[in-house]
Amino acid sequence: MADAEAFRSHLEGLGVGLGFDAGMAVGADAPLSCPFDVRLAEGVTRTVGNRFAVLPMEGWDATSHGRPTDLVTRRWERFGSSGAKLVWGGEAVAVRADGRANPNQLCIGPESLSDLAGLRFRLVAAHSDRFGPSDDLLVGLQLTHSGRWSRPAGNPVPRVGYRHPLLDHRAPVTAASVLSDDELDDLSDSFVEAAVVAADAGFDFVDVKACHGYLLHEMLSGIDRPGPYGGDLGGRSRFHIRTLEAIRARVPSLGLGVRLSIYDMVPFEAGQDGVGVPASTGGYRHAFGGDGTGLGIDLDEPDRLLALFAEVGVSMVCTTAGSPYHCPHVQRPAYFPPSDGYLPPQDPLVDVARLLDATAGLKARHPDLVFVGSGYSYLQEWLPNVAQADVRTGRVDAVGIGRMVLSYHDLPADIVEGRGLDRRRICRTFSDCTTAPRSGLVSGCYPLDEHYKAMPARVDLARAKRAAEQARGGRRA
């Protein structure tokens, strides 16, 4: 929109109450420039130099053995030179080969220690080359198992926490796909061993990923699962608590974070007009943080879960929502959906505001936890104004930047250093970074990043987008 007044008027018309600062503060005391402290462990506190965080940006571009390539290294170097002083997890790294979401996902093990240490070194060196000393830079590693969405060799090989009435048909789920209690115990041990490797590689903290429909997120909604890993919240969070406690015992100085989908929605699908519609309207019991309808939220259980996390040493939470596999508009609102997606069921700003408000609500209940928010990229040129308002009013501690980093990696530096935004590089949510991997291509910003523009894969991507548009009857992709 042309000016701030028009943007605020549009928000009022939607009934959306996003925080918004019309003017941006500049200098060391500006809200987005102010440092903050993170208590990583007993007696270990680190100061983070500003309020920007880079969110995990997986590129589907490692080797088939889970090792980094030049594209992976380039992405991590850009994270380092972004100007953000917190790098949340780098990217999703599978703790076991069978938990990879694609055949080119990074995978962690003792043999990958030098690779991960090298990535971290390149990130920190890029930061130091541009900004000088890096003692106020905090870098973590995200640990994951893809669960239902595992495709370690290209074809789906789902491992699930329970049989799901609406999602099982989207992957070849059978009774054998359900992880047993013993298998979950073993997997928890794999997370612990991965955390040890991360610590040895020099990372400041690990993120035990519990979001976006992957296994640890799915476990939180396993109300019908029998035994110790299902039922009430104590059972559904048992895997997480067991794992976090064991990491703390093995590596006491390593910080603990969790990227958490703080609410979920019923799965959506494209309706006849291409607009997203709920796959079921008869109530929905399997949404962690949901109100039972499938479309509303209830933060009581997320609130209680965060209290449990804090008790075992978690000091940082990165908030997101839902799953890009079944309700992408909830956490990744876009005007141009990916090839396998649907048109937004409402103005995407409604979804942005809901996520930011939910984060603020939980921050108010847990003031001692560091909260990193997400969902800001859709705001485009108004991202800095909303981010500043959220930090200034204590709604969030740090602002996470996801898709925007692919098109405009050093946006944080431009804002903190007072240059303003380069409008030519702002992410316009074309969703090519999602459509590409859905088509078997590496992820990146093909429209705006000159490196990806020049790749032969851009031609293949254009072909895949045309085919998807034709399949939808020519509707906007």
Protein backbone atom coordinates (compact mmCIF):
# COMPACT_ATOMS: atom_id res chain seq x y z
CA MET A 1 0.00 0.00 0.00
CA ALA A 2 1.18 3.48 -0.85
CA ASP A 3 1.50 4.99 2.63
CA ALA A 4 1.20 4.22 6.31
CA GLU A 5 -2.20 5.84 6.61
CA ALA A 6 -3.62 3.64 3.84
CA PHE A 7 -2.17 0.56 5.55
CA ARG A 8 -3.66 1.47 8.90
CA SER A 9 -6.99 2.22 7.26
CA HIS A 10 -6.94 -1.22 5.63
CA LEU A 11 -6.24 -2.85 9.00
CA GLU A 12 -9.15 -0.99 10.55
CA GLY A 13 -11.43 -2.18 7.75
CA LEU A 14 -10.41 -5.76 8.51
CA GLY A 15 -10.88 -5.28 12.23
CA VAL A 16 -7.22 -6.21 12.73
CA GLY A 17 -5.27 -4.55 15.52
CA LEU A 18 -1.65 -4.94 14.49
CA GLY A 19 0.82 -2.80 16.40
CA PHE A 20 2.24 -0.18 14.06
CA ASP A 21 4.82 2.60 14.49
CA ALA A 22 4.55 5.20 11.75
CA GLY A 23 8.14 6.36 12.30
CA MET A 24 11.25 4.21 12.64
CA ALA A 25 13.71 4.95 15.44
CA VAL A 26 17.42 4.95 14.60
CA GLY A 27 20.47 4.53 16.78
CA ALA A 28 21.73 2.31 19.57
CA ASP A 29 18.64 2.94 21.69
CA ALA A 30 16.13 2.13 18.94
CA PRO A 31 13.86 -0.78 19.94
CA LEU A 32 15.15 -3.08 17.19
CA SER A 33 18.79 -2.21 17.93
CA CYS A 34 18.73 -2.79 21.69
CA PRO A 35 20.56 -5.87 22.99
CA PHE A 36 18.92 -8.42 25.26
CA ASP A 37 20.13 -11.27 27.46
CA VAL A 38 19.54 -14.99 27.08
CA ARG A 39 20.18 -17.35 29.97
CA LEU A 40 21.49 -20.45 28.24
CA ALA A 41 22.27 -22.51 31.33
CA GLU A 42 23.09 -22.21 35.00
CA GLY A 43 25.69 -19.46 35.21
CA VAL A 44 25.76 -18.97 31.42
CA THR A 45 24.13 -15.80 30.11
CA ARG A 46 24.78 -14.29 26.69
CA THR A 47 23.95 -10.87 25.34
CA VAL A 48 22.35 -10.78 21.88
CA GLY A 49 23.21 -7.62 19.98
CA ASN A 50 19.84 -6.67 18.46
CA ARG A 51 16.23 -7.82 18.08
CA PHE A 52 16.40 -9.62 14.74
CA ALA A 53 16.58 -13.40 14.33
CA VAL A 54 17.07 -15.49 11.20
CA LEU A 55 14.61 -18.38 11.17
CA PRO A 56 15.59 -21.85 9.90
CA MET A 57 15.62 -21.86 6.08
CA GLU A 58 16.05 -25.37 4.73
CA GLY A 59 17.05 -25.43 1.05
CA TRP A 60 16.58 -29.06 -0.08
CA ASP A 61 20.12 -28.72 -1.38
CA ALA A 62 22.50 -30.85 0.70
CA THR A 63 24.06 -33.99 -0.74
CA SER A 64 22.27 -37.32 -0.73
CA HIS A 65 24.42 -38.21 2.30
CA GLY A 66 23.19 -35.17 4.22
CA ARG A 67 26.35 -33.10 3.83
CA PRO A 68 26.46 -29.39 2.94
CA THR A 69 26.95 -28.18 -0.63
CA ASP A 70 28.02 -24.78 -1.97
CA LEU A 71 24.38 -23.66 -1.93
CA VAL A 72 24.05 -24.59 1.75
CA THR A 73 27.26 -22.74 2.58
CA ARG A 74 26.15 -19.66 0.63
CA ARG A 75 22.88 -19.56 2.56
CA TRP A 76 24.63 -19.81 5.94
CA GLU A 77 27.10 -17.09 4.97
CA ARG A 78 24.19 -14.84 4.08
CA PHE A 79 22.64 -15.61 7.47
CA GLY A 80 25.88 -14.40 9.03
CA SER A 81 26.04 -11.19 7.01
CA SER A 82 22.34 -10.42 7.49
CA GLY A 83 22.83 -8.15 10.48
CA ALA A 84 20.62 -10.32 12.70
CA LYS A 85 22.33 -11.13 15.99
CA LEU A 86 20.37 -14.34 16.60
CA VAL A 87 20.41 -17.24 14.17
CA TRP A 88 17.63 -19.57 15.26
CA GLY A 89 18.69 -23.04 14.30
CA GLY A 90 20.30 -22.37 10.92
CA GLU A 91 18.08 -24.93 9.24
CA ALA A 92 16.26 -28.15 10.06
CA VAL A 93 18.81 -30.95 10.52
CA ALA A 94 17.47 -34.50 10.79
CA VAL A 95 18.72 -36.43 13.79
CA ARG A 96 18.45 -39.69 11.80
CA ALA A 97 18.43 -40.50 8.11
CA ASP A 98 14.91 -41.96 8.26
CA GLY A 99 13.61 -38.62 9.57
CA ARG A 100 14.69 -36.52 6.58
CA ALA A 101 11.88 -34.58 4.89
CA ASN A 102 13.63 -34.91 1.54
CA PRO A 103 16.65 -36.78 0.18
CA ASN A 104 18.78 -33.62 0.31
CA GLN A 105 18.21 -32.54 3.89
CA LEU A 106 21.16 -32.10 6.22
CA CYS A 107 21.56 -35.01 8.62
CA ILE A 108 23.52 -35.00 11.87
CA GLY A 109 25.77 -37.64 13.38
CA PRO A 110 29.33 -37.95 14.72
CA GLU A 111 30.62 -38.05 11.13
CA SER A 112 29.01 -34.66 10.41
CA LEU A 113 30.80 -32.80 13.21
CA SER A 114 33.35 -31.16 10.92
CA ASP A 115 30.67 -30.23 8.36
CA LEU A 116 28.50 -28.50 10.95
CA ALA A 117 31.45 -26.83 12.61
CA GLY A 118 32.49 -25.58 9.18
CA LEU A 119 29.06 -24.14 8.45
CA ARG A 120 29.01 -22.35 11.76
CA PHE A 121 32.54 -21.04 11.17
CA ARG A 122 31.59 -19.65 7.75
CA LEU A 123 28.48 -18.00 9.19
CA VAL A 124 30.41 -16.33 12.03
CA ALA A 125 33.24 -15.30 9.68
CA ALA A 126 30.76 -13.66 7.30
CA HIS A 127 29.27 -11.80 10.24
CA SER A 128 32.68 -10.64 11.47
CA ASP A 129 33.78 -9.56 8.00
CA ARG A 130 30.82 -7.18 7.76
CA PHE A 131 30.14 -6.13 11.35
CA GLY A 132 33.31 -6.76 13.35
CA PRO A 133 33.35 -8.67 16.66
CA SER A 134 30.84 -11.51 16.93
CA ASP A 135 30.64 -11.90 20.71
CA ASP A 136 27.04 -10.63 20.62
CA LEU A 137 26.00 -13.16 17.95
CA LEU A 138 24.08 -16.25 19.12
CA VAL A 139 23.89 -19.26 16.80
CA GLY A 140 21.80 -22.40 17.31
CA LEU A 141 21.05 -25.60 15.42
CA GLN A 142 17.56 -26.97 14.80
CA LEU A 143 17.12 -30.72 15.39
CA THR A 144 14.18 -32.53 13.82
CA HIS A 145 12.51 -35.74 12.74
CA SER A 146 9.99 -35.25 9.94
CA GLY A 147 7.62 -37.96 11.11
CA ARG A 148 4.54 -38.10 8.88
CA TRP A 149 6.33 -36.12 6.18
CA SER A 150 9.53 -38.17 6.00
CA ARG A 151 10.86 -38.75 2.48
CA PRO A 152 14.45 -39.87 3.11
CA ALA A 153 14.98 -41.24 -0.41
CA GLY A 154 12.34 -39.24 -2.28
CA ASN A 155 9.25 -41.40 -1.75
CA PRO A 156 7.08 -40.95 1.35
CA VAL A 157 8.04 -43.22 4.25
CA PRO A 158 5.93 -41.79 7.06
CA ARG A 159 6.56 -42.49 10.74
CA VAL A 160 3.70 -41.16 12.83
CA GLY A 161 2.66 -40.72 16.42
CA TYR A 162 -0.89 -41.93 15.80
CA ARG A 163 -3.39 -42.63 13.04
CA HIS A 164 -4.91 -39.37 11.87
CA PRO A 165 -8.46 -39.34 10.44
CA LEU A 166 -7.81 -36.53 7.93
CA LEU A 167 -4.10 -36.74 7.11
CA ASP A 168 -3.38 -40.45 6.71
CA HIS A 169 -4.63 -40.45 3.11
CA ARG A 170 -2.08 -37.78 2.15
CA ALA A 171 0.80 -40.23 2.71
CA PRO A 172 0.99 -44.05 2.70
CA VAL A 173 0.31 -44.44 6.43
CA THR A 174 -0.34 -47.95 7.79
CA ALA A 175 -0.44 -49.49 11.24
CA ALA A 176 3.28 -50.19 10.87
CA SER A 177 3.94 -46.47 10.41
CA VAL A 178 3.07 -45.74 14.04
CA LEU A 179 6.17 -45.49 16.20
CA SER A 180 6.16 -47.79 19.21
CA ASP A 181 7.06 -46.61 22.69
CA ASP A 182 10.45 -48.32 22.42
CA GLU A 183 11.09 -46.67 19.06
CA LEU A 184 10.27 -43.28 20.56
CA ASP A 185 12.68 -43.96 23.42
CA ASP A 186 15.40 -44.72 20.88
CA LEU A 187 14.56 -41.63 18.86
CA SER A 188 14.75 -39.46 21.96
CA ASP A 189 18.27 -40.82 22.49
CA SER A 190 19.09 -39.83 18.90
CA PHE A 191 18.07 -36.25 19.64
CA VAL A 192 20.35 -36.26 22.67
CA GLU A 193 23.33 -37.59 20.70
CA ALA A 194 22.65 -34.98 18.01
CA ALA A 195 22.70 -32.24 20.65
CA VAL A 196 26.09 -33.47 21.84
CA VAL A 197 27.42 -33.18 18.28
CA ALA A 198 25.93 -29.68 17.97
CA ALA A 199 27.67 -28.60 21.18
CA ASP A 200 30.97 -30.07 20.00
CA ALA A 201 30.54 -28.17 16.71
CA GLY A 202 30.36 -24.91 18.66
CA PHE A 203 26.66 -24.09 18.57
CA ASP A 204 25.32 -22.03 21.47
CA PHE A 205 21.96 -23.80 21.68
CA VAL A 206 19.79 -26.41 20.04
CA ASP A 207 16.19 -26.07 18.96
CA VAL A 208 14.22 -29.27 19.58
CA LYS A 209 11.75 -28.65 16.77
CA ALA A 210 8.07 -29.11 17.64
CA CYS A 211 6.22 -27.36 14.84
CA HIS A 212 4.75 -27.55 11.33
CA GLY A 213 3.27 -31.03 11.52
CA TYR A 214 6.58 -32.82 12.00
CA LEU A 215 6.85 -35.61 14.55
CA LEU A 216 7.35 -33.68 17.78
CA HIS A 217 4.52 -31.34 16.87
CA GLU A 218 2.25 -34.24 15.96
CA MET A 219 2.95 -35.96 19.28
CA LEU A 220 1.37 -32.99 21.08
CA SER A 221 -2.03 -33.82 19.56
CA GLY A 222 -1.93 -37.59 20.16
CA ILE A 223 -4.90 -37.61 22.50
CA ASP A 224 -5.98 -41.07 21.32
CA ARG A 225 -2.55 -42.67 21.49
CA PRO A 226 -2.45 -45.29 24.26
CA GLY A 227 0.42 -45.66 26.69
CA PRO A 228 2.94 -43.20 28.14
CA TYR A 229 3.28 -41.03 25.03
CA GLY A 230 -0.37 -40.15 24.54
CA GLY A 231 -3.52 -39.07 26.32
CA ASP A 232 -3.25 -36.04 28.57
CA LEU A 233 -0.74 -33.23 28.13
CA GLY A 234 1.72 -34.95 30.43
CA GLY A 235 1.77 -37.98 28.13
CA ARG A 236 1.71 -36.02 24.89
CA SER A 237 4.69 -33.91 26.02
CA ARG A 238 6.60 -36.83 27.57
CA PHE A 239 8.90 -37.23 24.56
CA HIS A 240 9.83 -33.54 24.63
CA ILE A 241 10.45 -33.40 28.38
CA ARG A 242 12.43 -36.67 28.37
CA THR A 243 14.60 -35.38 25.52
CA LEU A 244 15.18 -31.91 26.93
CA GLU A 245 16.06 -33.26 30.38
CA ALA A 246 18.53 -35.70 28.87
CA ILE A 247 20.18 -33.00 26.76
CA ARG A 248 20.55 -30.78 29.81
CA ALA A 249 22.14 -33.68 31.73
CA ARG A 250 24.59 -34.58 28.93
CA VAL A 251 25.54 -31.03 27.89
CA PRO A 252 24.79 -28.71 30.83
CA SER A 253 26.21 -25.58 29.17
CA LEU A 254 24.19 -25.94 25.95
CA GLY A 255 21.20 -23.63 25.62
CA LEU A 256 17.75 -25.14 24.99
CA GLY A 257 15.16 -23.70 22.65
CA VAL A 258 11.95 -25.00 21.10
CA ARG A 259 10.32 -23.80 17.91
CA LEU A 260 6.68 -24.50 18.67
CA SER A 261 3.46 -24.38 16.69
CA ILE A 262 1.47 -22.72 19.44
CA TYR A 263 -1.84 -23.55 17.74
CA ASP A 264 -3.07 -25.62 14.83
CA MET A 265 -6.08 -25.73 12.53
CA VAL A 266 -8.09 -28.39 10.72
CA PRO A 267 -6.46 -29.41 7.41
CA PHE A 268 -7.48 -27.22 4.47
CA GLU A 269 -7.78 -28.03 0.78
CA ALA A 270 -8.57 -26.08 -2.39
CA GLY A 271 -12.27 -25.61 -3.07
CA GLN A 272 -13.83 -25.44 -6.51
CA ASP A 273 -12.79 -21.80 -6.89
CA GLY A 274 -9.25 -22.53 -5.66
CA VAL A 275 -9.84 -20.86 -2.30
CA GLY A 276 -8.89 -22.86 0.78
CA VAL A 277 -11.72 -24.58 2.62
CA PRO A 278 -11.67 -26.80 5.72
CA ALA A 279 -11.40 -30.51 4.95
CA SER A 280 -13.93 -31.12 7.73
CA THR A 281 -16.50 -28.90 9.40
CA GLY A 282 -17.72 -31.29 12.08
CA GLY A 283 -15.29 -30.30 14.82
CA TYR A 284 -11.63 -31.22 15.10
CA ARG A 285 -9.97 -32.84 18.13
CA HIS A 286 -6.41 -33.08 16.82
CA ALA A 287 -5.32 -29.45 16.89
CA PHE A 288 -2.84 -28.66 19.67
CA GLY A 289 -3.74 -25.18 20.79
CA GLY A 290 -7.12 -25.42 19.05
CA ASP A 291 -10.56 -24.85 20.52
CA GLY A 292 -12.15 -28.04 19.15
CA THR A 293 -13.80 -26.42 16.15
CA GLY A 294 -10.78 -26.68 13.88
CA LEU A 295 -10.86 -22.96 13.17
CA GLY A 296 -10.34 -21.29 16.55
CA ILE A 297 -7.53 -21.28 19.09
CA ASP A 298 -7.23 -21.94 22.81
CA LEU A 299 -3.82 -21.23 24.34
CA ASP A 300 -4.40 -23.04 27.64
CA GLU A 301 -2.36 -26.14 26.71
CA PRO A 302 0.44 -24.20 25.00
CA ASP A 303 0.62 -22.05 28.13
CA ARG A 304 0.93 -25.14 30.34
CA LEU A 305 3.46 -26.72 27.98
CA LEU A 306 5.71 -23.66 28.10
CA ALA A 307 5.69 -23.87 31.89
CA LEU A 308 6.85 -27.50 31.64
CA PHE A 309 9.56 -26.51 29.17
CA ALA A 310 10.83 -23.77 31.48
CA GLU A 311 11.08 -26.24 34.36
CA VAL A 312 13.55 -28.40 32.42
CA GLY A 313 15.75 -25.53 31.29
CA VAL A 314 14.24 -24.18 28.08
CA SER A 315 14.94 -20.45 27.98
CA MET A 316 13.94 -19.58 24.39
CA VAL A 317 10.79 -20.21 22.37
CA CYS A 318 10.25 -19.43 18.70
CA THR A 319 6.54 -19.25 17.95
CA THR A 320 4.82 -20.35 14.77
CA ALA A 321 1.55 -22.15 14.01
CA GLY A 322 -0.04 -25.02 12.13
CA SER A 323 1.68 -26.87 9.31
CA PRO A 324 2.67 -25.82 5.78
CA TYR A 325 1.53 -29.27 4.64
CA HIS A 326 -2.11 -28.92 5.62
CA CYS A 327 -2.86 -25.28 6.56
CA PRO A 328 -0.11 -23.06 5.10
CA HIS A 329 -2.14 -19.87 5.35
CA VAL A 330 -1.98 -20.14 9.14
CA GLN A 331 1.80 -19.70 9.46
CA ARG A 332 2.98 -18.76 5.97
CA PRO A 333 0.30 -16.41 4.60
CA ALA A 334 0.85 -15.60 0.94
CA TYR A 335 -1.01 -13.77 -1.78
CA PHE A 336 0.52 -16.16 -4.32
CA PRO A 337 0.23 -19.71 -2.93
CA PRO A 338 2.62 -22.54 -3.84
CA SER A 339 1.77 -24.95 -6.66
CA ASP A 340 0.13 -27.46 -4.32
CA GLY A 341 -1.60 -24.84 -2.19
CA TYR A 342 -4.80 -22.83 -2.31
CA LEU A 343 -5.84 -19.21 -2.46
CA PRO A 344 -6.04 -17.56 0.97
CA PRO A 345 -9.45 -18.03 2.62
CA GLN A 346 -9.29 -14.51 4.08
CA ASP A 347 -7.04 -11.47 3.91
CA PRO A 348 -3.63 -12.86 4.98
CA LEU A 349 -3.16 -9.97 7.39
CA VAL A 350 -5.80 -11.60 9.59
CA ASP A 351 -3.55 -14.66 9.94
CA VAL A 352 -0.48 -12.50 10.60
CA ALA A 353 -2.30 -10.63 13.36
CA ARG A 354 -3.60 -13.83 14.97
CA LEU A 355 -0.09 -15.30 15.22
CA LEU A 356 1.47 -12.10 16.52
CA ASP A 357 -1.31 -11.65 19.09
CA ALA A 358 -1.03 -15.25 20.28
CA THR A 359 2.72 -14.81 20.71
CA ALA A 360 2.16 -11.62 22.69
CA GLY A 361 -0.38 -13.37 24.89
CA LEU A 362 2.02 -16.17 25.77
CA LYS A 363 4.89 -13.74 26.31
CA ALA A 364 2.74 -11.91 28.86
CA ARG A 365 2.18 -15.20 30.71
CA HIS A 366 5.87 -16.22 30.57
CA PRO A 367 7.92 -13.03 30.90
CA ASP A 368 11.11 -14.92 31.81
CA LEU A 369 11.15 -16.86 28.53
CA VAL A 370 12.73 -15.25 25.48
CA PHE A 371 10.16 -15.20 22.69
CA VAL A 372 11.14 -15.03 19.03
CA GLY A 373 8.14 -14.24 16.84
CA SER A 374 7.46 -15.23 13.24
CA GLY A 375 4.92 -14.48 10.53
CA TYR A 376 6.32 -11.04 9.69
CA SER A 377 7.40 -11.52 6.06
CA TYR A 378 3.92 -11.03 4.61
CA LEU A 379 3.97 -7.47 5.99
CA GLN A 380 6.56 -6.61 3.32
CA GLU A 381 7.48 -2.87 3.49
CA TRP A 382 5.57 -2.51 6.76
CA LEU A 383 7.55 -5.29 8.47
CA PRO A 384 9.88 -2.83 10.28
CA ASN A 385 6.98 -0.70 11.57
CA VAL A 386 5.10 -3.65 13.06
CA ALA A 387 8.31 -5.29 14.33
CA GLN A 388 9.38 -2.13 16.13
CA ALA A 389 5.95 -1.72 17.74
CA ASP A 390 5.93 -5.33 18.93
CA VAL A 391 9.40 -5.09 20.50
CA ARG A 392 8.84 -1.61 21.92
CA THR A 393 5.67 -2.71 23.72
CA GLY A 394 7.12 -5.99 25.01
CA ARG A 395 4.91 -8.23 22.90
CA VAL A 396 7.97 -10.15 21.71
CA ASP A 397 11.70 -10.16 22.44
CA ALA A 398 13.04 -10.72 18.92
CA VAL A 399 11.57 -10.64 15.43
CA GLY A 400 12.18 -13.74 13.31
CA ILE A 401 12.65 -13.32 9.56
CA GLY A 402 12.03 -16.37 7.38
CA ARG A 403 11.16 -16.16 3.67
CA MET A 404 12.36 -12.56 3.58
CA VAL A 405 15.93 -13.74 4.21
CA LEU A 406 15.93 -15.59 0.90
CA SER A 407 15.13 -12.49 -1.14
CA TYR A 408 16.62 -9.79 1.11
CA HIS A 409 19.06 -11.41 3.48
CA ASP A 410 20.51 -8.19 4.95
CA LEU A 411 17.21 -6.46 5.67
CA PRO A 412 18.07 -6.48 9.42
CA ALA A 413 21.28 -4.56 8.75
CA ASP A 414 19.50 -1.97 6.63
CA ILE A 415 16.92 -1.37 9.36
CA VAL A 416 19.30 -1.34 12.33
CA GLU A 417 21.77 0.92 10.52
CA GLY A 418 19.03 3.34 9.47
CA ARG A 419 19.20 2.99 5.69
CA GLY A 420 15.57 2.02 5.20
CA LEU A 421 14.35 -0.75 2.93
CA ASP A 422 15.36 -1.60 -0.62
CA ARG A 423 11.89 -2.17 -2.06
CA ARG A 424 13.31 -4.07 -5.05
CA ARG A 425 14.37 -6.95 -2.78
CA ILE A 426 11.32 -7.28 -0.54
CA CYS A 427 9.69 -10.74 -0.54
CA ARG A 428 6.32 -10.48 -2.28
CA THR A 429 5.27 -14.01 -1.25
CA PHE A 430 5.49 -15.47 -4.76
CA SER A 431 6.00 -18.85 -3.01
CA ASP A 432 8.64 -20.05 -5.49
CA CYS A 433 10.77 -21.02 -2.49
CA THR A 434 8.07 -23.60 -1.69
CA THR A 435 6.92 -24.51 -5.20
CA ALA A 436 10.51 -25.37 -6.21
CA PRO A 437 11.05 -28.16 -3.67
CA ARG A 438 7.50 -29.42 -4.23
CA SER A 439 8.72 -29.91 -7.83
CA GLY A 440 11.98 -31.63 -6.84
CA LEU A 441 14.11 -28.49 -7.19
CA VAL A 442 16.29 -26.68 -4.66
CA SER A 443 14.63 -23.92 -2.66
CA GLY A 444 15.52 -20.28 -3.10
CA CYS A 445 14.16 -16.94 -4.23
CA TYR A 446 14.09 -17.39 -7.99
CA PRO A 447 12.29 -14.07 -8.71
CA LEU A 448 14.62 -11.76 -6.73
CA ASP A 449 17.94 -13.48 -5.89
CA GLU A 450 20.26 -13.06 -8.88
CA HIS A 451 22.05 -16.31 -8.03
CA TYR A 452 18.85 -18.34 -8.36
CA LYS A 453 17.61 -16.31 -11.33
CA ALA A 454 20.65 -17.57 -13.27
CA MET A 455 20.14 -21.23 -12.38
CA PRO A 456 18.84 -23.64 -15.08
CA ALA A 457 16.31 -24.83 -12.49
CA ARG A 458 14.44 -21.56 -13.01
CA VAL A 459 13.22 -22.85 -16.38
CA ASP A 460 12.03 -26.09 -14.79
CA LEU A 461 10.27 -24.10 -12.08
CA ALA A 462 8.43 -21.95 -14.62
CA ARG A 463 7.29 -25.11 -16.40
CA ALA A 464 6.05 -26.63 -13.14
CA LYS A 465 4.13 -23.47 -12.27
CA ARG A 466 2.42 -23.37 -15.65
CA ALA A 467 1.39 -27.00 -15.30
CA ALA A 468 -0.01 -26.34 -11.82
CA GLU A 469 -1.95 -23.30 -13.05
CA GLN A 470 -3.44 -25.28 -15.93
CA ALA A 471 -4.46 -27.99 -13.50
CA ARG A 472 -6.32 -25.37 -11.47
CA GLY A 473 -8.12 -24.16 -14.58
CA GLY A 474 -6.03 -21.03 -15.11
CA ARG A 475 -6.75 -19.46 -11.73
CA ARG A 476 -4.08 -17.26 -10.16
CA ALA A 477 -1.14 -19.37 -8.92
